[in-house]
Amino acid sequence: MLDLQLFAEGDKTEDPTPRRLEEARKKGQVPKSSELNAAVNLLALTVLLLALSPTLWQNFLQVMRKYLEMNAEILTPGNLAALAGGVVSDLLLLLGPVLLTAFVAAVAASYLQVGFLFTPSLLAPKLERINPLSGLQRIFSKRALVELLKSILKVVIVALVAWNFLRANFETLFVVLYQNAANTWEIVSSLGLNLAIRIAVAFAALAAADLMYQRYEYYKSLKMSKQEIKDELKEMEGDPQLKARIRETQRKIAMQRMLHDVPSATVVITNPTELAVALRYREKEDEAPVVVAKGAGVLARRIRELAREHHIPLVENKPVARTLFQQVELGETIPVELYQAVAEILAFVYRTKGRSA
């Protein structure tokens, strides 16, 4: 029974905590589908070609006409560099919209999946990447098998979509053989774009399924055992013994600071032996008397000792001492209902000091 209980505690059955998810994200571990990137790219390029196909075709014809009509005699070593620059600029003119669209689509697909994520740690060299054994494990792993099946599925989907489309448009393709170049381009481009749309839609469906699978595998890989959750909570909240020691240290520091402020008090009100509350009142600085120290038992005795050492008057007033000890924190002024009682105590102190002087 005990062994079964220990096994259950070590079984990873709990959903990952936000902290574990955040740590995995910092390491670059996020649920991301490469198929979705491919599908978004294909859809974006297809839409671009549908919108700009006539313009792209005209630009292509102009570039082809420019270089086909060029006189070969102008090709000299002196103008070769300028000619090469012209070729590059013309290629950018033709391919620029396509490349820009592909780049924007890839960035948008990644951002929609994981948001902004920059992980320099992934760029650091790792020896395990060149380890033959690690490489073999990756090749024959479950993930590699899934990726292989996805690749086969993509090929099958593209083949089926292309075959059904071509079979349905076989007569149109046959007519192309008897058309001139302009008509041939118009028919082929129209068929190509229609085929691209169908393949893009099929890829989008595959990508949606792959994204759900990637997220399932991601959260499954990050599942935690009950003991791991307990350890994480303990780490986040801190060791109880350590927290107790910290609280004790903070209490001692606060006590020392409080005792250090006793010499600045104007009067110490006692209970007479159980409680002691030190009040400070500076006419031009304090709006009302302020509690600078208070304590019970041993601490009260220490406050009284410091008061005697620094010639601070001790006044016994049980109700006032009890009220101040229970209701007023260090550094706070006394409540309004005690103004009259404390004023009488201070007046008594001032009269006593006057007679002593």
Protein backbone atom coordinates (compact mmCIF):
# COMPACT_ATOMS: atom_id res chain seq x y z
CA MET A 1 0.00 0.00 0.00
CA LEU A 2 2.85 2.33 0.87
CA ASP A 3 4.63 1.57 -2.42
CA LEU A 4 1.47 2.36 -4.37
CA GLN A 5 1.12 5.65 -2.52
CA LEU A 6 4.71 6.64 -3.25
CA PHE A 7 4.24 5.74 -6.90
CA ALA A 8 1.10 7.87 -7.09
CA GLU A 9 2.94 10.85 -5.58
CA GLY A 10 5.68 10.56 -8.19
CA ASP A 11 3.30 10.18 -11.14
CA LYS A 12 3.07 13.33 -13.26
CA THR A 13 -0.68 13.84 -13.28
CA GLU A 14 -0.99 17.53 -12.41
CA ASP A 15 -1.24 20.42 -14.87
CA PRO A 16 1.87 22.60 -15.08
CA THR A 17 1.90 25.64 -12.83
CA PRO A 18 2.24 29.18 -14.24
CA ARG A 19 5.81 29.29 -12.91
CA ARG A 20 6.76 26.09 -14.76
CA LEU A 21 5.21 27.42 -17.96
CA GLU A 22 7.11 30.70 -17.57
CA GLU A 23 10.41 28.88 -16.99
CA ALA A 24 9.81 26.71 -20.07
CA ARG A 25 9.06 29.83 -22.14
CA LYS A 26 12.32 31.45 -21.00
CA LYS A 27 14.12 28.37 -22.31
CA GLY A 28 12.34 28.67 -25.67
CA GLN A 29 10.02 25.74 -25.03
CA VAL A 30 6.67 26.83 -26.47
CA PRO A 31 3.86 25.03 -28.32
CA LYS A 32 4.53 25.96 -31.92
CA SER A 33 3.49 24.36 -35.20
CA SER A 34 5.78 24.68 -38.20
CA GLU A 35 2.88 23.52 -40.34
CA LEU A 36 0.93 26.62 -39.39
CA ASN A 37 3.81 28.81 -40.56
CA ALA A 38 3.82 27.00 -43.90
CA ALA A 39 0.04 27.28 -44.25
CA VAL A 40 0.00 31.02 -43.45
CA ASN A 41 2.86 31.59 -45.88
CA LEU A 42 1.10 29.70 -48.65
CA LEU A 43 -2.18 31.51 -48.06
CA ALA A 44 -0.47 34.92 -48.00
CA LEU A 45 1.46 34.26 -51.19
CA THR A 46 -1.67 32.95 -52.89
CA VAL A 47 -3.60 36.09 -51.96
CA LEU A 48 -0.68 38.22 -53.18
CA LEU A 49 -0.62 36.47 -56.53
CA LEU A 50 -4.39 36.79 -56.88
CA ALA A 51 -4.15 40.53 -56.23
CA LEU A 52 -0.98 41.36 -58.16
CA SER A 53 -0.81 38.67 -60.81
CA PRO A 54 -1.34 41.04 -63.78
CA THR A 55 1.19 43.54 -62.43
CA LEU A 56 3.79 40.84 -61.72
CA TRP A 57 3.30 39.42 -65.20
CA GLN A 58 3.79 42.82 -66.82
CA ASN A 59 6.93 43.46 -64.79
CA PHE A 60 8.27 40.05 -65.77
CA LEU A 61 7.62 40.76 -69.46
CA GLN A 62 9.35 44.13 -69.24
CA VAL A 63 12.45 42.62 -67.63
CA MET A 64 12.59 39.78 -70.15
CA ARG A 65 12.12 42.19 -73.07
CA LYS A 66 14.82 44.48 -71.69
CA TYR A 67 17.50 41.78 -71.60
CA LEU A 68 16.42 39.87 -74.71
CA GLU A 69 16.58 43.06 -76.82
CA MET A 70 19.95 44.05 -75.36
CA ASN A 71 22.75 44.29 -77.87
CA ALA A 72 25.53 41.82 -77.04
CA GLU A 73 28.15 44.36 -78.16
CA ILE A 74 27.52 46.55 -75.10
CA LEU A 75 28.77 43.80 -72.80
CA THR A 76 32.25 45.04 -71.98
CA PRO A 77 34.40 44.63 -68.86
CA GLY A 78 33.80 48.28 -68.07
CA ASN A 79 30.02 48.13 -67.79
CA LEU A 80 29.73 44.59 -66.44
CA ALA A 81 29.42 45.78 -62.83
CA ALA A 82 26.68 48.26 -63.73
CA LEU A 83 24.85 45.56 -65.70
CA ALA A 84 25.06 43.17 -62.73
CA GLY A 85 23.61 45.87 -60.47
CA GLY A 86 20.76 46.37 -62.90
CA VAL A 87 20.02 42.64 -62.93
CA VAL A 88 19.91 42.58 -59.12
CA SER A 89 17.59 45.60 -58.94
CA ASP A 90 15.26 44.08 -61.54
CA LEU A 91 15.14 40.79 -59.62
CA LEU A 92 14.31 42.68 -56.44
CA LEU A 93 11.56 44.49 -58.32
CA LEU A 94 10.10 41.15 -59.38
CA LEU A 95 10.67 39.13 -56.20
CA GLY A 96 10.53 41.92 -53.62
CA PRO A 97 6.76 41.78 -52.98
CA VAL A 98 6.89 37.97 -52.78
CA LEU A 99 9.83 37.91 -50.36
CA LEU A 100 8.37 40.68 -48.21
CA THR A 101 5.01 38.93 -48.03
CA ALA A 102 6.66 35.64 -47.06
CA PHE A 103 8.68 37.37 -44.32
CA VAL A 104 5.69 39.24 -42.88
CA ALA A 105 3.55 36.09 -42.97
CA ALA A 106 6.22 34.05 -41.17
CA VAL A 107 6.64 36.70 -38.45
CA ALA A 108 2.86 37.07 -38.05
CA ALA A 109 2.34 33.30 -37.78
CA SER A 110 5.04 32.98 -35.12
CA TYR A 111 3.74 35.97 -33.17
CA LEU A 112 0.16 34.68 -33.20
CA GLN A 113 1.33 31.34 -31.81
CA VAL A 114 3.80 32.35 -29.09
CA GLY A 115 3.88 36.16 -28.99
CA PHE A 116 7.19 38.01 -28.81
CA LEU A 117 9.89 35.56 -27.75
CA PHE A 118 13.64 36.09 -27.82
CA THR A 119 15.79 33.35 -26.27
CA PRO A 120 19.53 33.93 -26.72
CA SER A 121 20.23 30.74 -24.75
CA LEU A 122 19.13 28.69 -27.75
CA LEU A 123 22.01 30.18 -29.76
CA ALA A 124 24.61 28.95 -27.30
CA PRO A 125 26.60 25.92 -28.53
CA LYS A 126 25.72 22.60 -26.88
CA LEU A 127 27.89 19.48 -27.06
CA GLU A 128 24.85 17.22 -27.05
CA ARG A 129 23.92 18.53 -30.49
CA ILE A 130 27.02 16.92 -32.00
CA ASN A 131 26.82 13.81 -29.84
CA PRO A 132 26.14 10.79 -32.15
CA LEU A 133 24.16 8.97 -29.44
CA SER A 134 21.93 11.99 -28.84
CA GLY A 135 21.46 12.28 -32.59
CA LEU A 136 20.38 8.65 -32.88
CA GLN A 137 17.97 9.08 -30.00
CA ARG A 138 16.40 12.07 -31.75
CA ILE A 139 16.17 10.16 -35.05
CA PHE A 140 14.38 7.19 -33.50
CA SER A 141 12.30 9.17 -31.01
CA LYS A 142 8.53 9.45 -30.91
CA ARG A 143 8.73 13.07 -32.08
CA ALA A 144 10.78 12.10 -35.15
CA LEU A 145 8.21 9.42 -36.01
CA VAL A 146 5.38 11.95 -35.72
CA GLU A 147 7.24 14.41 -37.96
CA LEU A 148 7.81 11.65 -40.54
CA LEU A 149 4.12 10.78 -40.53
CA LYS A 150 3.22 14.45 -40.93
CA SER A 151 5.57 14.79 -43.90
CA ILE A 152 4.05 11.73 -45.56
CA LEU A 153 0.56 13.07 -44.84
CA LYS A 154 1.45 16.41 -46.43
CA VAL A 155 2.71 14.72 -49.58
CA VAL A 156 -0.42 12.57 -49.76
CA ILE A 157 -2.72 15.58 -49.23
CA VAL A 158 -0.95 17.66 -51.90
CA ALA A 159 -1.00 14.72 -54.31
CA LEU A 160 -4.71 14.04 -53.77
CA VAL A 161 -5.71 17.70 -54.06
CA ALA A 162 -3.57 18.18 -57.18
CA TRP A 163 -4.82 14.96 -58.80
CA ASN A 164 -8.49 15.75 -58.22
CA PHE A 165 -8.04 19.30 -59.48
CA LEU A 166 -6.11 18.30 -62.60
CA ARG A 167 -8.54 15.52 -63.39
CA ALA A 168 -11.45 17.96 -63.16
CA ASN A 169 -9.63 20.46 -65.46
CA PHE A 170 -8.03 18.00 -67.86
CA GLU A 171 -9.91 19.37 -70.89
CA THR A 172 -8.80 22.93 -70.09
CA LEU A 173 -5.17 21.82 -69.88
CA PHE A 174 -5.50 20.03 -73.21
CA VAL A 175 -6.78 23.24 -74.86
CA VAL A 176 -3.61 25.06 -73.70
CA LEU A 177 -1.61 23.19 -76.33
CA TYR A 178 -3.40 25.17 -79.06
CA GLN A 179 -3.18 28.66 -77.51
CA ASN A 180 -0.67 31.45 -77.99
CA ALA A 181 1.72 32.51 -75.25
CA ALA A 182 -0.52 35.19 -73.74
CA ASN A 183 -3.58 32.94 -73.56
CA THR A 184 -1.48 30.04 -72.29
CA TRP A 185 -0.13 32.16 -69.44
CA GLU A 186 -3.62 33.38 -68.54
CA ILE A 187 -5.04 29.84 -68.41
CA VAL A 188 -2.08 28.29 -66.60
CA SER A 189 -1.86 31.10 -64.04
CA SER A 190 -5.58 30.87 -63.33
CA LEU A 191 -5.41 27.11 -62.87
CA GLY A 192 -2.26 27.42 -60.77
CA LEU A 193 -3.81 29.95 -58.42
CA ASN A 194 -6.96 27.84 -58.03
CA LEU A 195 -4.82 24.82 -57.25
CA ALA A 196 -2.73 26.85 -54.78
CA ILE A 197 -5.88 27.97 -52.97
CA ARG A 198 -7.05 24.37 -52.55
CA ILE A 199 -3.64 23.23 -51.32
CA ALA A 200 -3.44 26.20 -48.93
CA VAL A 201 -6.85 25.37 -47.44
CA ALA A 202 -5.83 21.72 -47.03
CA PHE A 203 -2.58 22.84 -45.39
CA ALA A 204 -4.51 25.15 -43.07
CA ALA A 205 -6.67 22.24 -41.88
CA LEU A 206 -3.55 20.14 -41.34
CA ALA A 207 -1.87 23.01 -39.50
CA ALA A 208 -4.86 23.48 -37.17
CA ALA A 209 -4.74 19.79 -36.26
CA ASP A 210 -0.96 19.95 -35.81
CA LEU A 211 -1.22 23.02 -33.56
CA MET A 212 -3.69 21.22 -31.28
CA TYR A 213 -1.37 18.20 -31.18
CA GLN A 214 1.68 20.36 -30.40
CA ARG A 215 -0.12 22.05 -27.53
CA TYR A 216 -1.31 18.70 -26.19
CA GLU A 217 2.24 17.30 -26.28
CA TYR A 218 3.65 20.50 -24.79
CA TYR A 219 1.38 20.52 -21.76
CA LYS A 220 1.77 16.77 -21.39
CA SER A 221 5.58 17.08 -21.32
CA LEU A 222 5.36 19.77 -18.62
CA LYS A 223 2.96 17.89 -16.33
CA MET A 224 4.08 17.75 -12.73
CA SER A 225 3.78 15.34 -9.86
CA LYS A 226 2.14 16.34 -6.58
CA GLN A 227 5.57 16.34 -4.94
CA GLU A 228 6.97 18.71 -7.58
CA ILE A 229 4.09 21.14 -6.95
CA LYS A 230 4.72 20.95 -3.20
CA ASP A 231 8.43 21.59 -3.74
CA GLU A 232 7.68 24.55 -5.99
CA LEU A 233 5.28 26.08 -3.47
CA LYS A 234 7.85 25.54 -0.74
CA GLU A 235 10.51 27.20 -2.86
CA MET A 236 8.26 30.15 -3.71
CA GLU A 237 7.02 30.67 -0.16
CA GLY A 238 10.35 29.84 1.43
CA ASP A 239 11.35 27.31 4.05
CA PRO A 240 9.11 27.78 7.15
CA GLN A 241 12.13 27.48 9.46
CA LEU A 242 14.03 30.05 7.41
CA LYS A 243 11.02 32.36 7.41
CA ALA A 244 10.74 31.99 11.19
CA ARG A 245 14.41 32.91 11.58
CA ILE A 246 13.95 35.92 9.30
CA ARG A 247 10.92 37.08 11.32
CA GLU A 248 12.87 36.65 14.55
CA THR A 249 15.77 38.66 13.15
CA GLN A 250 13.39 41.38 11.95
CA ARG A 251 11.74 41.43 15.39
CA LYS A 252 15.10 41.85 17.12
CA ILE A 253 16.12 44.65 14.75
CA ALA A 254 12.79 46.41 15.30
CA MET A 255 13.16 46.00 19.07
CA GLN A 256 16.67 47.45 19.04
CA ARG A 257 15.49 50.37 16.93
CA MET A 258 12.56 50.93 19.28
CA LEU A 259 14.76 50.83 22.40
CA HIS A 260 17.14 53.22 20.66
CA ASP A 261 14.26 55.73 20.43
CA VAL A 262 13.37 55.56 24.14
CA PRO A 263 15.85 58.34 25.13
CA SER A 264 13.95 60.73 22.86
CA ALA A 265 10.69 60.15 24.77
CA THR A 266 9.04 62.84 26.88
CA VAL A 267 7.29 60.46 29.27
CA VAL A 268 6.87 56.73 29.85
CA ILE A 269 3.38 55.64 30.92
CA THR A 270 3.28 52.35 32.88
CA ASN A 271 0.75 49.79 34.09
CA PRO A 272 2.84 49.88 36.42
CA THR A 273 4.84 46.64 35.94
CA GLU A 274 3.21 44.76 33.05
CA LEU A 275 3.15 47.47 30.35
CA ALA A 276 5.24 50.49 29.38
CA VAL A 277 4.56 53.00 26.61
CA ALA A 278 7.03 55.75 25.73
CA LEU A 279 5.54 58.96 24.31
CA ARG A 280 7.39 61.78 22.58
CA TYR A 281 5.98 65.26 22.17
CA ARG A 282 7.89 68.10 20.59
CA GLU A 283 5.80 71.21 20.51
CA LYS A 284 7.04 72.56 17.17
CA GLU A 285 7.50 69.22 15.38
CA ASP A 286 4.70 66.86 16.50
CA GLU A 287 1.02 67.57 15.92
CA ALA A 288 0.21 65.22 18.80
CA PRO A 289 2.19 62.90 21.11
CA VAL A 290 3.79 59.97 19.25
CA VAL A 291 4.38 56.43 20.53
CA VAL A 292 8.12 55.75 20.10
CA ALA A 293 8.33 52.51 22.13
CA LYS A 294 6.03 50.06 23.87
CA GLY A 295 6.32 46.64 25.40
CA ALA A 296 5.07 44.13 27.91
CA GLY A 297 6.84 41.99 30.48
CA VAL A 298 10.62 41.90 30.01
CA LEU A 299 10.49 44.53 27.27
CA ALA A 300 8.46 46.86 29.52
CA ARG A 301 11.05 46.44 32.24
CA ARG A 302 13.82 47.32 29.77
CA ILE A 303 11.94 50.46 28.66
CA ARG A 304 11.57 51.56 32.28
CA GLU A 305 15.30 50.96 32.90
CA LEU A 306 16.25 53.09 29.89
CA ALA A 307 13.85 55.80 31.04
CA ARG A 308 15.50 55.93 34.45
CA GLU A 309 18.97 55.99 32.89
CA HIS A 310 18.02 59.01 30.75
CA HIS A 311 15.96 60.74 33.46
CA ILE A 312 12.65 60.35 31.61
CA PRO A 313 9.62 60.63 33.93
CA LEU A 314 7.64 57.43 34.65
CA VAL A 315 3.92 58.01 35.17
CA GLU A 316 1.57 55.25 36.28
CA ASN A 317 -1.79 55.29 34.50
CA LYS A 318 -3.24 51.86 33.88
CA PRO A 319 -6.15 52.78 31.52
CA VAL A 320 -4.04 55.05 29.32
CA ALA A 321 -1.12 52.60 29.20
CA ARG A 322 -3.44 49.72 28.27
CA THR A 323 -5.24 51.71 25.56
CA LEU A 324 -2.01 52.98 24.02
CA PHE A 325 -0.42 49.52 24.06
CA GLN A 326 -3.45 47.86 22.39
CA GLN A 327 -4.54 50.51 19.87
CA VAL A 328 -1.52 52.59 18.81
CA GLU A 329 1.40 51.26 16.74
CA LEU A 330 4.96 52.53 16.85
CA GLY A 331 5.39 55.88 15.13
CA GLU A 332 1.66 56.70 15.30
CA THR A 333 0.10 59.61 17.13
CA ILE A 334 -2.28 59.01 20.00
CA PRO A 335 -6.03 58.85 19.24
CA VAL A 336 -8.21 61.90 19.81
CA GLU A 337 -10.06 60.34 22.73
CA LEU A 338 -6.79 60.24 24.70
CA TYR A 339 -5.84 63.86 24.10
CA GLN A 340 -7.28 65.05 27.42
CA ALA A 341 -5.74 62.26 29.52
CA VAL A 342 -2.31 62.54 27.89
CA ALA A 343 -2.40 66.34 28.11
CA GLU A 344 -2.94 66.05 31.88
CA ILE A 345 0.00 63.61 32.13
CA LEU A 346 2.27 65.93 30.13
CA ALA A 347 1.17 68.91 32.22
CA PHE A 348 2.05 66.94 35.35
CA VAL A 349 5.48 66.09 33.85
CA TYR A 350 6.18 69.70 32.92
CA ARG A 351 5.14 70.91 36.42
CA THR A 352 7.38 68.28 38.01
CA LYS A 353 10.34 69.31 35.84
CA GLY A 354 9.64 72.93 36.68
CA ARG A 355 9.76 72.27 40.40
CA SER A 356 12.94 70.19 39.93
CA ALA A 357 14.59 73.05 38.06
